[in-house]
Amino acid sequence: MKRQALSYPLILLIAASLGLGCKGEAKKEEAPPVQARELSIKGEEVSYATDTTEMKGYLAYNENLETKRPGILVIHEWWGHNEYTRQRADMLAELGYTALAVDMYGNGRQAEHPEDAGKFAGMVMQNMDAAQARFDAALELLKSHSTVDPDQIAAIGYCFGGSVALTMANAGKDLDAVAAFHSGVQLPVMPNENLKARVLVCNGAEDPFISPESVTAFTRAMDSIKADYNYIAYEGATHSFTSKAADSLGKKFDMPLAYQEKADKESWQQLQDFLNETFN
């Protein structure tokens, strides 16, 4: 796979270093993805904090669903907690889950330029203590919500967020399942015996931010611990293939970003099947 020459070598260096571009047998209650009751999705602005950082998230759930359900953390791309992350949380709520779109940067901070995005992402991924504290704060908020079964928790992430989700699973966080989309797999914490979660990775086969060598190292590490995982590479898909904003952002910043409807729809179906298998 050839890497495309870009006009932001510093950005690519940061991205490559981060792998970015942008259980037990506890009794589980069934939470079918399609509910018979009429959907009434409630979205709430939420605030939570570590000892040093205030964070602003977004919680979405179907308020017409009376039973407790699995909770899912949704971790943003390197642009920060934005509308795209919230849309994915709403989509999960429509499937019968409670979803928390998290804020890994603090104070709802968003990047307007790739250089800022790289700086924000780097500050998180190069400080694992702070990153874990922020993740843990979001996890506890989700578990404590009245609609959530705290014994049924998953995390999904996009680009930077996928790397965060995989890293936290490798660090042994209390997660049943983790899914990553167009995510780097060269991680600060690589797969090891602390991994408890089932794992799904959906990447583009033409993504220049994800080297074949990093994929080989990741899958070998997963195989060595006999992890329950599935790595899918979608033909013809490049970075940010799930985001409809990718085309305009790619043109604006001269970066290899592009939406691909086929890969987007197929990976979303893979996620639904993955969550159904995990929680039902």
Protein backbone atom coordinates (compact mmCIF):
# COMPACT_ATOMS: atom_id res chain seq x y z
CA MET A 1 0.00 0.00 0.00
CA LYS A 2 1.52 3.30 -1.00
CA ARG A 3 1.31 6.29 1.26
CA GLN A 4 0.09 9.49 -0.33
CA ALA A 5 2.30 12.55 -0.09
CA LEU A 6 0.52 15.28 1.83
CA SER A 7 1.07 18.94 2.46
CA TYR A 8 1.11 18.47 6.22
CA PRO A 9 4.12 16.29 7.03
CA LEU A 10 4.06 17.32 10.67
CA ILE A 11 0.42 16.31 10.96
CA LEU A 12 1.10 12.95 9.40
CA LEU A 13 4.03 12.39 11.73
CA ILE A 14 1.79 13.04 14.73
CA ALA A 15 -0.97 10.90 13.27
CA ALA A 16 1.35 8.02 12.48
CA SER A 17 2.85 8.08 15.95
CA LEU A 18 -0.61 7.84 17.47
CA GLY A 19 -2.08 5.51 14.90
CA LEU A 20 -4.56 8.30 13.97
CA GLY A 21 -5.74 10.38 11.06
CA CYS A 22 -8.35 12.60 12.20
CA LYS A 23 -15.57 -11.45 31.70
CA GLY A 24 -17.24 -13.33 33.56
CA GLU A 25 -20.60 -15.01 33.09
CA ALA A 26 -22.82 -12.33 34.58
CA LYS A 27 -26.50 -12.68 33.82
CA LYS A 28 -27.49 -10.39 30.96
CA GLU A 29 -30.97 -9.06 30.26
CA GLU A 30 -32.03 -9.02 26.65
CA ALA A 31 -32.00 -5.63 24.93
CA PRO A 32 -33.29 -6.12 21.39
CA PRO A 33 -31.97 -3.60 18.88
CA VAL A 34 -35.40 -2.91 17.38
CA GLN A 35 -38.05 -1.91 19.89
CA ALA A 36 -41.78 -2.39 19.35
CA ARG A 37 -42.62 0.82 21.20
CA GLU A 38 -42.50 4.12 19.37
CA LEU A 39 -39.11 5.75 19.53
CA SER A 40 -38.71 8.87 21.61
CA ILE A 41 -35.02 9.70 21.66
CA LYS A 42 -33.99 12.04 24.44
CA GLY A 43 -30.67 13.83 24.15
CA GLU A 44 -29.15 15.44 27.22
CA GLU A 45 -26.16 17.69 27.69
CA VAL A 46 -24.09 16.26 30.54
CA SER A 47 -21.08 17.48 32.48
CA TYR A 48 -18.56 15.36 34.35
CA ALA A 49 -15.03 15.82 35.58
CA THR A 50 -11.73 14.38 36.71
CA ASP A 51 -9.66 16.05 39.43
CA THR A 52 -8.22 18.42 36.83
CA THR A 53 -10.56 18.58 33.85
CA GLU A 54 -14.20 19.52 33.22
CA MET A 55 -15.80 17.61 30.35
CA LYS A 56 -18.96 18.15 28.34
CA GLY A 57 -20.73 15.13 26.89
CA TYR A 58 -24.03 14.17 25.32
CA LEU A 59 -26.29 11.33 26.49
CA ALA A 60 -28.95 9.78 24.23
CA TYR A 61 -31.59 7.12 25.00
CA ASN A 62 -35.11 6.02 24.12
CA GLU A 63 -37.25 7.30 26.96
CA ASN A 64 -40.14 5.02 25.92
CA LEU A 65 -38.07 1.95 26.70
CA GLU A 66 -38.71 1.02 30.33
CA THR A 67 -36.13 -1.70 30.94
CA LYS A 68 -32.49 -1.15 31.70
CA ARG A 69 -30.26 -1.59 28.67
CA PRO A 70 -26.59 -1.80 27.67
CA GLY A 71 -24.64 1.45 27.73
CA ILE A 72 -22.22 2.47 24.99
CA LEU A 73 -19.48 5.09 25.09
CA VAL A 74 -18.95 6.91 21.77
CA ILE A 75 -15.49 8.45 21.38
CA HIS A 76 -14.93 11.25 18.90
CA GLU A 77 -12.51 11.71 16.03
CA TRP A 78 -9.44 13.90 16.51
CA TRP A 79 -11.59 16.94 15.64
CA GLY A 80 -13.15 16.68 19.11
CA HIS A 81 -16.64 16.16 20.52
CA ASN A 82 -18.79 17.37 17.64
CA GLU A 83 -22.16 16.85 16.00
CA TYR A 84 -21.01 13.71 14.20
CA THR A 85 -20.29 12.00 17.52
CA ARG A 86 -23.73 12.99 18.79
CA GLN A 87 -25.41 11.66 15.66
CA ARG A 88 -23.82 8.27 16.26
CA ALA A 89 -25.04 8.36 19.88
CA ASP A 90 -28.57 9.08 18.63
CA MET A 91 -28.34 6.19 16.16
CA LEU A 92 -27.36 3.83 18.98
CA ALA A 93 -30.25 5.12 21.09
CA GLU A 94 -32.58 4.28 18.22
CA LEU A 95 -31.27 0.71 18.39
CA GLY A 96 -32.25 0.45 22.05
CA TYR A 97 -29.02 1.41 23.81
CA THR A 98 -28.09 4.33 26.02
CA ALA A 99 -25.13 6.10 24.44
CA LEU A 100 -22.77 8.67 25.88
CA ALA A 101 -20.78 10.78 23.41
CA VAL A 102 -17.71 11.55 25.48
CA ASP A 103 -15.32 14.48 25.59
CA MET A 104 -11.68 13.38 25.72
CA TYR A 105 -10.23 16.88 25.25
CA GLY A 106 -12.10 18.68 28.04
CA ASN A 107 -14.49 21.64 28.05
CA GLY A 108 -16.04 20.42 24.80
CA ARG A 109 -12.98 21.62 22.91
CA GLN A 110 -12.98 21.17 19.13
CA ALA A 111 -10.25 21.61 16.54
CA GLU A 112 -10.77 23.79 13.47
CA HIS A 113 -7.49 22.80 11.83
CA PRO A 114 -5.56 19.49 11.59
CA GLU A 115 -2.57 21.00 13.38
CA ASP A 116 -4.76 21.72 16.41
CA ALA A 117 -6.40 18.30 16.15
CA GLY A 118 -2.98 16.65 16.18
CA LYS A 119 -1.94 18.64 19.25
CA PHE A 120 -5.14 17.84 21.16
CA ALA A 121 -4.95 14.14 20.29
CA GLY A 122 -1.26 13.98 21.16
CA MET A 123 -1.84 15.51 24.59
CA VAL A 124 -4.33 12.74 25.36
CA MET A 125 -2.50 9.76 23.92
CA GLN A 126 0.89 10.75 25.34
CA ASN A 127 -0.49 11.07 28.88
CA MET A 128 -2.10 7.74 29.71
CA ASP A 129 -2.86 8.64 33.31
CA ALA A 130 -4.94 11.64 32.25
CA ALA A 131 -6.52 9.73 29.36
CA GLN A 132 -7.59 6.88 31.61
CA ALA A 133 -8.96 9.28 34.20
CA ARG A 134 -11.12 11.00 31.58
CA PHE A 135 -12.29 7.68 30.18
CA ASP A 136 -13.07 6.35 33.66
CA ALA A 137 -15.10 9.46 34.51
CA ALA A 138 -17.24 8.96 31.41
CA LEU A 139 -17.57 5.24 32.13
CA GLU A 140 -18.81 5.85 35.66
CA LEU A 141 -21.30 8.48 34.47
CA LEU A 142 -22.72 6.04 31.92
CA LYS A 143 -22.91 3.15 34.39
CA SER A 144 -24.74 5.30 36.93
CA HIS A 145 -27.49 6.44 34.56
CA SER A 146 -30.94 5.17 35.49
CA THR A 147 -31.52 3.56 32.07
CA VAL A 148 -28.28 1.56 31.99
CA ASP A 149 -27.43 -1.95 33.11
CA PRO A 150 -23.94 -1.31 34.54
CA ASP A 151 -22.91 -4.90 33.80
CA GLN A 152 -23.42 -4.40 30.05
CA ILE A 153 -21.04 -1.78 28.70
CA ALA A 154 -19.34 -1.25 25.34
CA ALA A 155 -17.25 1.48 23.74
CA ILE A 156 -16.96 2.52 20.11
CA GLY A 157 -14.72 5.12 18.54
CA TYR A 158 -13.81 6.80 15.28
CA CYS A 159 -10.23 7.53 14.16
CA PHE A 160 -8.59 8.95 17.31
CA GLY A 161 -11.61 7.67 19.26
CA GLY A 162 -11.12 4.16 17.95
CA SER A 163 -7.51 4.21 19.11
CA VAL A 164 -8.69 5.40 22.53
CA ALA A 165 -11.32 2.66 22.77
CA LEU A 166 -8.84 -0.07 21.81
CA THR A 167 -6.21 1.30 24.17
CA MET A 168 -8.62 1.39 27.11
CA ALA A 169 -9.74 -2.16 26.41
CA ASN A 170 -6.09 -3.26 26.35
CA ALA A 171 -5.59 -1.46 29.67
CA GLY A 172 -8.20 -3.79 31.17
CA LYS A 173 -11.19 -1.46 31.47
CA ASP A 174 -14.52 -3.02 32.42
CA LEU A 175 -15.92 -3.34 28.91
CA ASP A 176 -17.79 -6.20 27.27
CA ALA A 177 -17.12 -5.05 23.72
CA VAL A 178 -15.12 -2.46 21.79
CA ALA A 179 -15.51 -1.38 18.16
CA ALA A 180 -13.15 0.92 16.26
CA PHE A 181 -13.72 2.56 12.87
CA HIS A 182 -10.92 3.88 10.61
CA SER A 183 -8.69 3.58 13.65
CA GLY A 184 -4.98 3.27 14.11
CA VAL A 185 -3.87 0.01 15.70
CA GLN A 186 -0.36 1.06 16.73
CA LEU A 187 -1.42 1.85 20.28
CA PRO A 188 0.10 3.19 23.51
CA VAL A 189 -1.09 -0.03 25.18
CA MET A 190 -1.00 -3.00 22.84
CA PRO A 191 -3.16 -6.14 23.29
CA ASN A 192 -2.20 -8.13 26.36
CA GLU A 193 -3.69 -10.47 28.96
CA ASN A 194 -5.60 -7.57 30.56
CA LEU A 195 -7.94 -7.39 27.56
CA LYS A 196 -11.42 -8.57 28.57
CA ALA A 197 -13.55 -7.17 25.76
CA ARG A 198 -14.59 -8.64 22.43
CA VAL A 199 -13.14 -6.46 19.67
CA LEU A 200 -14.29 -5.31 16.23
CA VAL A 201 -12.06 -3.18 13.99
CA CYS A 202 -13.46 -1.76 10.74
CA ASN A 203 -10.82 -0.01 8.63
CA GLY A 204 -10.33 1.07 5.05
CA ALA A 205 -8.02 -1.11 2.99
CA GLU A 206 -6.67 2.04 1.29
CA ASP A 207 -6.15 4.09 4.45
CA PRO A 208 -2.62 5.59 4.24
CA PHE A 209 -2.61 6.36 7.96
CA ILE A 210 -2.74 2.64 8.82
CA SER A 211 0.38 0.78 7.74
CA PRO A 212 0.30 -2.93 6.88
CA GLU A 213 3.05 -3.44 9.44
CA SER A 214 0.91 -1.99 12.23
CA VAL A 215 -2.01 -4.22 11.26
CA THR A 216 0.25 -7.29 11.29
CA ALA A 217 1.63 -6.37 14.73
CA PHE A 218 -1.87 -5.80 16.09
CA THR A 219 -3.37 -9.03 14.78
CA ARG A 220 -0.35 -11.05 15.92
CA ALA A 221 -0.70 -9.58 19.41
CA MET A 222 -4.42 -10.39 19.44
CA ASP A 223 -3.78 -13.92 18.21
CA SER A 224 -1.08 -14.45 20.84
CA ILE A 225 -3.60 -13.92 23.65
CA LYS A 226 -6.39 -15.77 21.79
CA ALA A 227 -8.53 -12.64 21.80
CA ASP A 228 -12.11 -12.66 20.50
CA TYR A 229 -11.80 -10.19 17.63
CA ASN A 230 -12.60 -9.43 14.01
CA TYR A 231 -10.48 -7.15 11.82
CA ILE A 232 -12.20 -6.02 8.61
CA ALA A 233 -10.56 -4.01 5.82
CA TYR A 234 -13.01 -2.54 3.31
CA GLU A 235 -11.77 -2.49 -0.26
CA GLY A 236 -11.51 0.95 -1.83
CA ALA A 237 -12.16 2.74 1.47
CA THR A 238 -9.72 5.30 2.82
CA HIS A 239 -9.65 7.31 6.03
CA SER A 240 -12.87 8.60 7.66
CA PHE A 241 -15.05 6.49 5.36
CA THR A 242 -18.01 6.66 7.79
CA SER A 243 -18.19 10.47 7.88
CA LYS A 244 -20.08 12.40 5.21
CA ALA A 245 -17.98 15.45 6.07
CA ALA A 246 -14.80 13.63 5.05
CA ASP A 247 -14.90 14.69 1.38
CA SER A 248 -15.05 18.41 2.12
CA LEU A 249 -12.47 18.18 4.90
CA GLY A 250 -10.14 16.21 2.67
CA LYS A 251 -10.33 18.86 -0.04
CA LYS A 252 -10.01 21.73 2.41
CA PHE A 253 -6.87 20.41 4.08
CA ASP A 254 -5.42 18.31 1.24
CA MET A 255 -5.72 15.09 3.22
CA PRO A 256 -6.73 11.56 2.08
CA LEU A 257 -10.19 11.60 3.64
CA ALA A 258 -13.27 10.32 1.81
CA TYR A 259 -16.74 9.07 2.65
CA GLN A 260 -17.70 5.67 1.22
CA GLU A 261 -21.37 4.80 1.56
CA LYS A 262 -20.90 1.07 1.04
CA ALA A 263 -18.25 0.70 3.74
CA ASP A 264 -20.19 3.00 6.07
CA LYS A 265 -23.38 0.94 5.82
CA GLU A 266 -21.62 -2.40 5.97
CA SER A 267 -19.54 -1.45 9.01
CA TRP A 268 -22.62 -0.12 10.82
CA GLN A 269 -24.37 -3.43 10.20
CA GLN A 270 -21.28 -5.24 11.47
CA LEU A 271 -21.51 -3.16 14.64
CA GLN A 272 -25.17 -4.00 15.15
CA ASP A 273 -24.50 -7.72 14.73
CA PHE A 274 -21.48 -7.47 17.04
CA LEU A 275 -23.50 -5.77 19.80
CA ASN A 276 -26.40 -8.19 19.41
CA GLU A 277 -24.03 -11.13 19.78
CA THR A 278 -22.46 -9.55 22.85
CA PHE A 279 -25.58 -8.52 24.74
CA ASN A 280 -28.23 -11.06 23.73
